Amino acid sequence: MSAQSLREQNGPDQLPVPVQVESAAAQTDSLPTPESEPASLSALVAAVEDSAAPLSDDEECLAGAVYFESRNESFEGQHAVADVVINRAESGRFPASICGVVYQPSQFSFVRGGQMPAVNRASNDWREAVAVARVALQDLWQSAAPKALFFHAARVSPRWRLKRIATVGNHVFYR
């Protein structure tokens, strides 16, 4: 079942609601079972963080976006950033893949010349970014900024004519 299908099934305004992944291909070794659903996003990230499963291209790209855009944020803030990338890929207004969205020219300032900077893959920040990306891709937690397609740092004011839907940590989210 796609992330979009899960969002439609669970409704966009239910916060926070962990859901069970139905696709065996999308699961990692240590995902919670229905009997042990985590009580918080932090617990879910910790459970997923222990997985040694290799990264798919989408997980790699999304984890990079989370790492560079929001690694110093709460898990809710990191998840909201990840969800924007996923929402863009599903919207029909942006490239149709996670990597296409991340590498789309002029969208993310950390992407330079079509390349992502080097990441310290041994760091706790990277492990958490990977776990948040997996949680978001598998739609295991409802975003604090549902259906958001845009965000910016709270310290700037771009004067966008978009519907503001949430402020999570140091980012403001819009659709």
N, C-alpha and C. Protein backbone atom coordinates (compact mmCIF):
# COMPACT_ATOMS: atom_id res chain seq x y z
N MET A 1 0.86 -1.17 0.00
CA MET A 1 0.00 0.00 0.00
C MET A 1 0.90 1.23 0.00
N SER A 2 0.61 2.21 -0.81
CA SER A 2 1.43 3.41 -0.91
C SER A 2 1.19 4.33 0.28
N ALA A 3 2.14 5.26 0.48
CA ALA A 3 1.98 6.25 1.55
C ALA A 3 0.71 7.06 1.32
N GLN A 4 0.41 7.38 0.06
CA GLN A 4 -0.80 8.15 -0.24
C GLN A 4 -2.04 7.36 0.15
N SER A 5 -2.08 6.08 -0.17
CA SER A 5 -3.23 5.25 0.19
C SER A 5 -3.41 5.19 1.69
N LEU A 6 -2.31 5.07 2.42
CA LEU A 6 -2.39 5.04 3.87
C LEU A 6 -2.90 6.37 4.41
N ARG A 7 -2.45 7.48 3.82
CA ARG A 7 -2.91 8.79 4.26
C ARG A 7 -4.42 8.92 4.05
N GLU A 8 -4.91 8.45 2.90
CA GLU A 8 -6.34 8.53 2.63
C GLU A 8 -7.13 7.64 3.58
N GLN A 9 -6.59 6.48 3.89
CA GLN A 9 -7.25 5.54 4.78
C GLN A 9 -7.34 6.10 6.20
N ASN A 10 -6.28 6.75 6.68
CA ASN A 10 -6.23 7.20 8.06
C ASN A 10 -6.68 8.64 8.25
N GLY A 11 -6.79 9.41 7.18
CA GLY A 11 -7.22 10.79 7.27
C GLY A 11 -6.06 11.70 7.61
N PRO A 12 -6.02 12.90 7.01
CA PRO A 12 -4.88 13.78 7.18
C PRO A 12 -4.84 14.50 8.52
N ASP A 13 -5.93 14.52 9.26
CA ASP A 13 -5.96 15.34 10.46
C ASP A 13 -5.78 14.55 11.75
N GLN A 14 -5.48 13.27 11.65
CA GLN A 14 -5.28 12.47 12.84
C GLN A 14 -3.82 12.57 13.25
N LEU A 15 -3.57 13.15 14.40
CA LEU A 15 -2.21 13.31 14.90
C LEU A 15 -2.12 12.78 16.31
N PRO A 16 -1.09 12.15 16.68
CA PRO A 16 -0.25 11.25 15.89
C PRO A 16 -0.86 9.86 15.89
N VAL A 17 -0.75 9.15 14.79
CA VAL A 17 -1.31 7.81 14.68
C VAL A 17 -0.32 6.89 13.99
N PRO A 18 0.30 5.96 14.73
CA PRO A 18 1.15 5.00 14.05
C PRO A 18 0.27 4.02 13.28
N VAL A 19 0.72 3.58 12.12
CA VAL A 19 -0.03 2.61 11.34
C VAL A 19 0.87 1.45 10.98
N GLN A 20 0.27 0.31 10.70
CA GLN A 20 1.04 -0.87 10.35
C GLN A 20 1.37 -0.85 8.87
N VAL A 21 2.59 -1.22 8.51
CA VAL A 21 3.00 -1.33 7.12
C VAL A 21 2.51 -2.66 6.59
N GLU A 22 1.89 -2.65 5.39
CA GLU A 22 1.37 -3.87 4.82
C GLU A 22 2.31 -4.49 3.80
N SER A 23 3.22 -3.73 3.24
CA SER A 23 4.12 -4.24 2.22
C SER A 23 5.35 -4.87 2.86
N ALA A 24 5.54 -6.16 2.66
CA ALA A 24 6.70 -6.84 3.23
C ALA A 24 7.99 -6.28 2.67
N ALA A 25 7.97 -5.85 1.43
CA ALA A 25 9.18 -5.31 0.81
C ALA A 25 9.61 -4.00 1.47
N ALA A 26 8.66 -3.28 2.06
CA ALA A 26 8.98 -1.99 2.66
C ALA A 26 9.41 -2.13 4.11
N GLN A 27 9.26 -3.30 4.70
CA GLN A 27 9.56 -3.46 6.11
C GLN A 27 11.04 -3.65 6.35
N THR A 28 11.50 -3.21 7.54
CA THR A 28 12.85 -3.50 7.98
C THR A 28 12.75 -4.50 9.11
N ASP A 29 13.87 -5.07 9.48
CA ASP A 29 13.88 -6.17 10.44
C ASP A 29 13.25 -5.84 11.79
N SER A 30 13.40 -4.61 12.27
CA SER A 30 13.01 -4.33 13.64
C SER A 30 11.79 -3.43 13.77
N LEU A 31 10.94 -3.37 12.76
CA LEU A 31 9.76 -2.53 12.88
C LEU A 31 8.82 -3.08 13.94
N PRO A 32 8.12 -2.18 14.64
CA PRO A 32 7.20 -2.63 15.67
C PRO A 32 6.08 -3.49 15.07
N THR A 33 5.59 -4.41 15.85
CA THR A 33 4.44 -5.22 15.45
C THR A 33 3.19 -4.55 15.99
N PRO A 34 2.00 -4.93 15.51
CA PRO A 34 0.78 -4.32 16.03
C PRO A 34 0.65 -4.45 17.55
N GLU A 35 1.19 -5.55 18.13
CA GLU A 35 1.11 -5.73 19.57
C GLU A 35 2.05 -4.79 20.31
N SER A 36 3.09 -4.28 19.63
CA SER A 36 4.08 -3.44 20.30
C SER A 36 4.20 -2.06 19.66
N GLU A 37 3.08 -1.51 19.19
CA GLU A 37 3.13 -0.20 18.56
C GLU A 37 3.72 0.82 19.53
N PRO A 38 4.63 1.65 19.06
CA PRO A 38 5.27 2.62 19.93
C PRO A 38 4.29 3.71 20.35
N ALA A 39 4.53 4.24 21.53
CA ALA A 39 3.67 5.28 22.07
C ALA A 39 4.08 6.67 21.58
N SER A 40 5.24 6.78 20.96
CA SER A 40 5.71 8.09 20.52
C SER A 40 6.54 7.95 19.25
N LEU A 41 6.70 9.07 18.56
CA LEU A 41 7.55 9.08 17.37
C LEU A 41 8.99 8.76 17.77
N SER A 42 9.42 9.25 18.90
CA SER A 42 10.77 8.97 19.38
C SER A 42 11.00 7.47 19.55
N ALA A 43 10.02 6.77 20.14
CA ALA A 43 10.13 5.32 20.32
C ALA A 43 10.14 4.61 18.97
N LEU A 44 9.34 5.08 18.02
CA LEU A 44 9.30 4.48 16.69
C LEU A 44 10.63 4.68 15.98
N VAL A 45 11.18 5.89 16.04
CA VAL A 45 12.48 6.15 15.42
C VAL A 45 13.54 5.26 16.04
N ALA A 46 13.53 5.11 17.36
CA ALA A 46 14.51 4.25 18.03
C ALA A 46 14.37 2.81 17.57
N ALA A 47 13.15 2.33 17.39
CA ALA A 47 12.93 0.95 16.94
C ALA A 47 13.43 0.76 15.51
N VAL A 48 13.18 1.72 14.64
CA VAL A 48 13.60 1.62 13.24
C VAL A 48 15.10 1.85 13.11
N GLU A 49 15.66 2.69 13.99
CA GLU A 49 17.08 3.04 13.93
C GLU A 49 17.99 1.83 14.08
N ASP A 50 17.52 0.81 14.76
CA ASP A 50 18.33 -0.38 14.98
C ASP A 50 18.45 -1.28 13.76
N SER A 51 17.69 -1.00 12.70
CA SER A 51 17.70 -1.85 11.52
C SER A 51 19.03 -1.71 10.77
N ALA A 52 19.55 -2.85 10.35
CA ALA A 52 20.78 -2.85 9.56
C ALA A 52 20.48 -3.05 8.08
N ALA A 53 19.21 -2.95 7.70
CA ALA A 53 18.83 -3.16 6.30
C ALA A 53 19.51 -2.10 5.42
N PRO A 54 19.99 -2.51 4.24
CA PRO A 54 20.62 -1.54 3.34
C PRO A 54 19.60 -0.49 2.88
N LEU A 55 20.10 0.70 2.56
CA LEU A 55 19.24 1.79 2.15
C LEU A 55 18.85 1.68 0.68
N SER A 56 17.58 1.92 0.39
CA SER A 56 17.13 2.05 -1.00
C SER A 56 17.54 3.45 -1.47
N ASP A 57 17.44 3.70 -2.77
CA ASP A 57 17.75 5.04 -3.29
C ASP A 57 16.85 6.08 -2.65
N ASP A 58 15.55 5.79 -2.53
CA ASP A 58 14.62 6.74 -1.93
C ASP A 58 14.99 7.03 -0.47
N GLU A 59 15.33 5.99 0.28
CA GLU A 59 15.72 6.18 1.68
C GLU A 59 16.98 7.03 1.78
N GLU A 60 17.93 6.77 0.90
CA GLU A 60 19.19 7.53 0.88
C GLU A 60 18.93 9.02 0.60
N CYS A 61 18.14 9.30 -0.42
CA CYS A 61 17.84 10.70 -0.78
C CYS A 61 17.05 11.39 0.31
N LEU A 62 16.03 10.72 0.83
CA LEU A 62 15.20 11.33 1.86
C LEU A 62 15.98 11.52 3.16
N ALA A 63 16.80 10.55 3.53
CA ALA A 63 17.62 10.70 4.74
C ALA A 63 18.59 11.88 4.57
N GLY A 64 19.13 12.05 3.38
CA GLY A 64 20.01 13.20 3.12
C GLY A 64 19.28 14.52 3.31
N ALA A 65 18.05 14.60 2.80
CA ALA A 65 17.26 15.83 2.96
C ALA A 65 16.97 16.09 4.44
N VAL A 66 16.59 15.06 5.17
CA VAL A 66 16.32 15.20 6.60
C VAL A 66 17.60 15.64 7.32
N TYR A 67 18.69 15.00 7.01
CA TYR A 67 19.98 15.29 7.66
C TYR A 67 20.38 16.75 7.45
N PHE A 68 20.36 17.20 6.20
CA PHE A 68 20.86 18.54 5.92
C PHE A 68 19.85 19.64 6.23
N GLU A 69 18.58 19.35 6.17
CA GLU A 69 17.56 20.38 6.42
C GLU A 69 17.13 20.48 7.88
N SER A 70 17.21 19.35 8.62
CA SER A 70 16.57 19.39 9.94
C SER A 70 17.21 18.52 11.01
N ARG A 71 18.47 18.16 10.86
CA ARG A 71 19.06 17.22 11.83
C ARG A 71 19.10 17.75 13.25
N ASN A 72 19.03 19.03 13.46
CA ASN A 72 19.03 19.59 14.82
C ASN A 72 17.63 19.85 15.35
N GLU A 73 16.63 19.39 14.63
CA GLU A 73 15.23 19.57 15.04
C GLU A 73 14.75 18.35 15.83
N SER A 74 13.57 18.49 16.41
CA SER A 74 12.91 17.35 17.04
C SER A 74 12.58 16.31 15.98
N PHE A 75 12.25 15.10 16.42
CA PHE A 75 11.84 14.08 15.45
C PHE A 75 10.58 14.53 14.71
N GLU A 76 9.69 15.24 15.38
CA GLU A 76 8.49 15.74 14.71
C GLU A 76 8.86 16.71 13.59
N GLY A 77 9.84 17.58 13.85
CA GLY A 77 10.30 18.51 12.83
C GLY A 77 11.00 17.81 11.68
N GLN A 78 11.83 16.82 12.00
CA GLN A 78 12.50 16.05 10.95
C GLN A 78 11.48 15.28 10.11
N HIS A 79 10.50 14.71 10.77
CA HIS A 79 9.47 13.94 10.06
C HIS A 79 8.65 14.86 9.15
N ALA A 80 8.33 16.06 9.62
CA ALA A 80 7.56 17.01 8.79
C ALA A 80 8.35 17.38 7.54
N VAL A 81 9.66 17.59 7.67
CA VAL A 81 10.50 17.88 6.50
C VAL A 81 10.48 16.69 5.53
N ALA A 82 10.64 15.49 6.06
CA ALA A 82 10.60 14.29 5.21
C ALA A 82 9.25 14.19 4.50
N ASP A 83 8.20 14.49 5.21
CA ASP A 83 6.86 14.37 4.62
C ASP A 83 6.66 15.36 3.48
N VAL A 84 7.26 16.55 3.57
CA VAL A 84 7.16 17.51 2.46
C VAL A 84 7.76 16.91 1.20
N VAL A 85 8.91 16.28 1.31
CA VAL A 85 9.56 15.68 0.14
C VAL A 85 8.65 14.59 -0.45
N ILE A 86 8.10 13.75 0.41
CA ILE A 86 7.20 12.68 -0.05
C ILE A 86 5.95 13.28 -0.70
N ASN A 87 5.36 14.28 -0.05
CA ASN A 87 4.16 14.92 -0.61
C ASN A 87 4.44 15.51 -1.98
N ARG A 88 5.61 16.11 -2.15
CA ARG A 88 5.96 16.66 -3.46
C ARG A 88 6.02 15.57 -4.51
N ALA A 89 6.66 14.46 -4.19
CA ALA A 89 6.80 13.36 -5.15
C ALA A 89 5.43 12.81 -5.54
N GLU A 90 4.47 12.86 -4.64
CA GLU A 90 3.13 12.33 -4.90
C GLU A 90 2.18 13.36 -5.50
N SER A 91 2.58 14.63 -5.55
CA SER A 91 1.66 15.71 -5.91
C SER A 91 1.38 15.86 -7.40
N GLY A 92 2.30 15.43 -8.26
CA GLY A 92 2.16 15.68 -9.68
C GLY A 92 2.67 17.06 -10.09
N ARG A 93 3.08 17.88 -9.12
CA ARG A 93 3.59 19.22 -9.39
C ARG A 93 5.11 19.27 -9.38
N PHE A 94 5.73 18.21 -8.91
CA PHE A 94 7.17 18.12 -8.77
C PHE A 94 7.61 16.80 -9.39
N PRO A 95 8.92 16.54 -9.46
CA PRO A 95 9.34 15.22 -9.96
C PRO A 95 8.64 14.10 -9.19
N ALA A 96 8.44 12.99 -9.85
CA ALA A 96 7.63 11.90 -9.30
C ALA A 96 8.40 10.94 -8.39
N SER A 97 9.69 11.18 -8.17
CA SER A 97 10.46 10.31 -7.28
C SER A 97 11.03 11.14 -6.14
N ILE A 98 11.35 10.47 -5.05
CA ILE A 98 11.95 11.14 -3.90
C ILE A 98 13.27 11.78 -4.31
N CYS A 99 14.13 11.04 -4.99
CA CYS A 99 15.41 11.59 -5.42
C CYS A 99 15.23 12.72 -6.42
N GLY A 100 14.23 12.60 -7.29
CA GLY A 100 13.94 13.68 -8.23
C GLY A 100 13.57 14.96 -7.52
N VAL A 101 12.79 14.85 -6.46
CA VAL A 101 12.41 16.03 -5.67
C VAL A 101 13.64 16.62 -4.98
N VAL A 102 14.43 15.78 -4.34
CA VAL A 102 15.59 16.26 -3.59
C VAL A 102 16.60 16.94 -4.51
N TYR A 103 16.81 16.37 -5.69
CA TYR A 103 17.80 16.92 -6.62
C TYR A 103 17.23 17.91 -7.62
N GLN A 104 15.96 18.26 -7.52
CA GLN A 104 15.38 19.25 -8.42
C GLN A 104 16.13 20.57 -8.24
N PRO A 105 16.59 21.18 -9.32
CA PRO A 105 17.36 22.41 -9.21
C PRO A 105 16.63 23.51 -8.42
N SER A 106 17.39 24.20 -7.61
CA SER A 106 16.93 25.38 -6.85
C SER A 106 15.88 25.07 -5.78
N GLN A 107 15.80 23.84 -5.33
CA GLN A 107 14.81 23.52 -4.29
C GLN A 107 15.44 23.38 -2.91
N PHE A 108 16.57 22.74 -2.81
CA PHE A 108 17.23 22.54 -1.52
C PHE A 108 18.64 23.11 -1.60
N SER A 109 18.95 24.01 -0.69
CA SER A 109 20.23 24.72 -0.74
C SER A 109 21.44 23.83 -0.49
N PHE A 110 21.25 22.69 0.15
CA PHE A 110 22.40 21.82 0.41
C PHE A 110 22.85 21.08 -0.84
N VAL A 111 22.00 20.96 -1.86
CA VAL A 111 22.37 20.30 -3.11
C VAL A 111 23.14 21.31 -3.95
N ARG A 112 24.38 20.98 -4.26
CA ARG A 112 25.24 21.87 -5.05
C ARG A 112 25.73 21.13 -6.28
N GLY A 113 25.44 21.68 -7.44
CA GLY A 113 25.88 21.06 -8.68
C GLY A 113 25.34 19.65 -8.86
N GLY A 114 24.11 19.45 -8.38
CA GLY A 114 23.48 18.14 -8.52
C GLY A 114 24.04 17.08 -7.58
N GLN A 115 24.81 17.50 -6.58
CA GLN A 115 25.44 16.56 -5.65
C GLN A 115 25.03 16.86 -4.21
N MET A 116 24.94 15.81 -3.42
CA MET A 116 24.71 15.96 -1.99
C MET A 116 26.08 15.98 -1.31
N PRO A 117 26.28 16.86 -0.35
CA PRO A 117 27.57 16.87 0.36
C PRO A 117 27.82 15.54 1.08
N ALA A 118 29.06 15.33 1.45
CA ALA A 118 29.43 14.12 2.19
C ALA A 118 28.73 14.11 3.55
N VAL A 119 28.37 12.93 4.00
CA VAL A 119 27.69 12.74 5.27
C VAL A 119 28.55 11.85 6.15
N ASN A 120 28.64 12.17 7.42
CA ASN A 120 29.32 11.31 8.38
C ASN A 120 28.36 10.17 8.72
N ARG A 121 28.47 9.07 8.02
CA ARG A 121 27.53 7.95 8.16
C ARG A 121 27.67 7.21 9.49
N ALA A 122 28.70 7.49 10.24
CA ALA A 122 28.86 6.88 11.56
C ALA A 122 28.20 7.72 12.65
N SER A 123 27.69 8.89 12.29
CA SER A 123 27.14 9.79 13.30
C SER A 123 25.73 9.39 13.72
N ASN A 124 25.38 9.76 14.92
CA ASN A 124 24.03 9.54 15.44
C ASN A 124 23.02 10.33 14.61
N ASP A 125 23.40 11.55 14.17
CA ASP A 125 22.49 12.37 13.35
C ASP A 125 22.10 11.63 12.07
N TRP A 126 23.05 10.96 11.41
CA TRP A 126 22.75 10.22 10.18
C TRP A 126 21.85 9.02 10.48
N ARG A 127 22.17 8.27 11.53
CA ARG A 127 21.34 7.11 11.88
C ARG A 127 19.90 7.55 12.16
N GLU A 128 19.74 8.67 12.86
CA GLU A 128 18.39 9.18 13.13
C GLU A 128 17.71 9.65 11.86
N ALA A 129 18.44 10.32 10.96
CA ALA A 129 17.86 10.78 9.70
C ALA A 129 17.37 9.59 8.86
N VAL A 130 18.14 8.52 8.85
CA VAL A 130 17.74 7.31 8.13
C VAL A 130 16.47 6.74 8.74
N ALA A 131 16.42 6.66 10.06
CA ALA A 131 15.24 6.11 10.74
C ALA A 131 14.02 6.98 10.48
N VAL A 132 14.16 8.29 10.54
CA VAL A 132 13.04 9.20 10.27
C VAL A 132 12.59 9.03 8.82
N ALA A 133 13.53 8.91 7.89
CA ALA A 133 13.17 8.71 6.48
C ALA A 133 12.38 7.42 6.31
N ARG A 134 12.81 6.35 6.95
CA ARG A 134 12.09 5.08 6.84
C ARG A 134 10.69 5.17 7.45
N VAL A 135 10.58 5.82 8.58
CA VAL A 135 9.26 6.01 9.20
C VAL A 135 8.35 6.78 8.25
N ALA A 136 8.87 7.85 7.66
CA ALA A 136 8.06 8.69 6.77
C ALA A 136 7.70 7.94 5.48
N LEU A 137 8.66 7.27 4.87
CA LEU A 137 8.39 6.54 3.63
C LEU A 137 7.37 5.43 3.82
N GLN A 138 7.38 4.82 4.99
CA GLN A 138 6.44 3.73 5.26
C GLN A 138 5.15 4.24 5.90
N ASP A 139 5.07 5.56 6.06
CA ASP A 139 3.87 6.22 6.61
C ASP A 139 3.46 5.59 7.94
N LEU A 140 4.44 5.41 8.81
CA LEU A 140 4.19 4.82 10.11
C LEU A 140 3.72 5.83 11.15
N TRP A 141 3.81 7.12 10.83
CA TRP A 141 3.42 8.17 11.77
C TRP A 141 2.81 9.32 11.00
N GLN A 142 1.79 9.92 11.53
CA GLN A 142 1.12 11.05 10.87
C GLN A 142 1.95 12.32 11.07
N SER A 143 2.17 13.07 10.03
CA SER A 143 2.98 14.28 10.07
C SER A 143 2.33 15.39 10.88
N ALA A 144 3.16 16.19 11.52
CA ALA A 144 2.68 17.38 12.23
C ALA A 144 2.31 18.49 11.24
N ALA A 145 2.67 18.32 9.97
CA ALA A 145 2.34 19.28 8.92
C ALA A 145 1.74 18.52 7.73
N PRO A 146 0.53 17.95 7.92
CA PRO A 146 -0.05 17.10 6.87
C PRO A 146 -0.28 17.85 5.57
N LYS A 147 0.03 17.18 4.48
CA LYS A 147 -0.16 17.70 3.12
C LYS A 147 0.70 18.92 2.78
N ALA A 148 1.68 19.24 3.60
CA ALA A 148 2.57 20.37 3.30
C ALA A 148 3.40 20.07 2.06
N LEU A 149 3.60 21.10 1.24
CA LEU A 149 4.44 20.98 0.05
C LEU A 149 5.65 21.91 0.09
N PHE A 150 5.66 22.82 1.04
CA PHE A 150 6.72 23.81 1.13
C PHE A 150 7.07 24.06 2.59
N PHE A 151 8.29 24.47 2.83
CA PHE A 151 8.70 24.90 4.16
C PHE A 151 9.86 25.85 4.03
N HIS A 152 10.07 26.63 5.07
CA HIS A 152 11.24 27.49 5.16
C HIS A 152 11.62 27.63 6.62
N ALA A 153 12.83 28.09 6.86
CA ALA A 153 13.29 28.33 8.22
C ALA A 153 12.46 29.47 8.81
N ALA A 154 12.14 29.37 10.08
CA ALA A 154 11.31 30.38 10.74
C ALA A 154 11.99 31.74 10.78
N ARG A 155 13.30 31.79 10.65
CA ARG A 155 14.03 33.06 10.72
C ARG A 155 13.91 33.90 9.46
N VAL A 156 13.35 33.36 8.39
CA VAL A 156 13.17 34.12 7.15
C VAL A 156 11.68 34.35 6.87
N SER A 157 11.39 35.34 6.06
CA SER A 157 9.99 35.66 5.69
C SER A 157 9.89 35.81 4.18
N PRO A 158 9.65 34.72 3.46
CA PRO A 158 9.62 34.81 2.00
C PRO A 158 8.36 35.45 1.42
N ARG A 159 7.38 35.75 2.23
CA ARG A 159 6.12 36.38 1.79
C ARG A 159 5.40 35.53 0.74
N TRP A 160 5.39 34.23 0.97
CA TRP A 160 4.69 33.33 0.07
C TRP A 160 3.20 33.51 0.21
N ARG A 161 2.48 33.37 -0.87
CA ARG A 161 1.02 33.43 -0.85
C ARG A 161 0.46 32.01 -0.83
N LEU A 162 0.85 31.30 0.19
CA LEU A 162 0.45 29.91 0.36
C LEU A 162 -0.26 29.77 1.69
N LYS A 163 -1.00 28.69 1.84
CA LYS A 163 -1.70 28.44 3.10
C LYS A 163 -0.71 27.90 4.13
N ARG A 164 -0.51 28.67 5.19
CA ARG A 164 0.38 28.25 6.27
C ARG A 164 -0.37 27.21 7.10
N ILE A 165 0.26 26.04 7.31
CA ILE A 165 -0.46 25.00 8.04
C ILE A 165 0.19 24.60 9.35
N ALA A 166 1.47 24.89 9.54
CA ALA A 166 2.09 24.51 10.81
C ALA A 166 3.45 25.18 10.96
N THR A 167 3.83 25.34 12.19
CA THR A 167 5.20 25.67 12.55
C THR A 167 5.67 24.55 13.45
N VAL A 168 6.74 23.91 13.06
CA VAL A 168 7.28 22.80 13.84
C VAL A 168 8.76 23.10 14.05
N GLY A 169 9.13 23.35 15.28
CA GLY A 169 10.51 23.71 15.57
C GLY A 169 10.89 24.98 14.84
N ASN A 170 11.96 24.92 14.08
CA ASN A 170 12.47 26.10 13.37
C ASN A 170 12.02 26.18 11.92
N HIS A 171 10.94 25.47 11.56
CA HIS A 171 10.45 25.51 10.19
C HIS A 171 8.96 25.85 10.15
N VAL A 172 8.59 26.57 9.11
CA VAL A 172 7.18 26.91 8.85
C VAL A 172 6.76 26.14 7.60
N PHE A 173 5.59 25.50 7.67
CA PHE A 173 5.12 24.62 6.59
C PHE A 173 3.88 25.18 5.93
N TYR A 174 3.79 24.96 4.60
CA TYR A 174 2.71 25.50 3.78
C TYR A 174 2.21 24.43 2.80
N ARG A 175 0.99 24.68 2.29
CA ARG A 175 0.52 23.90 1.15
C ARG A 175 0.01 24.85 0.10
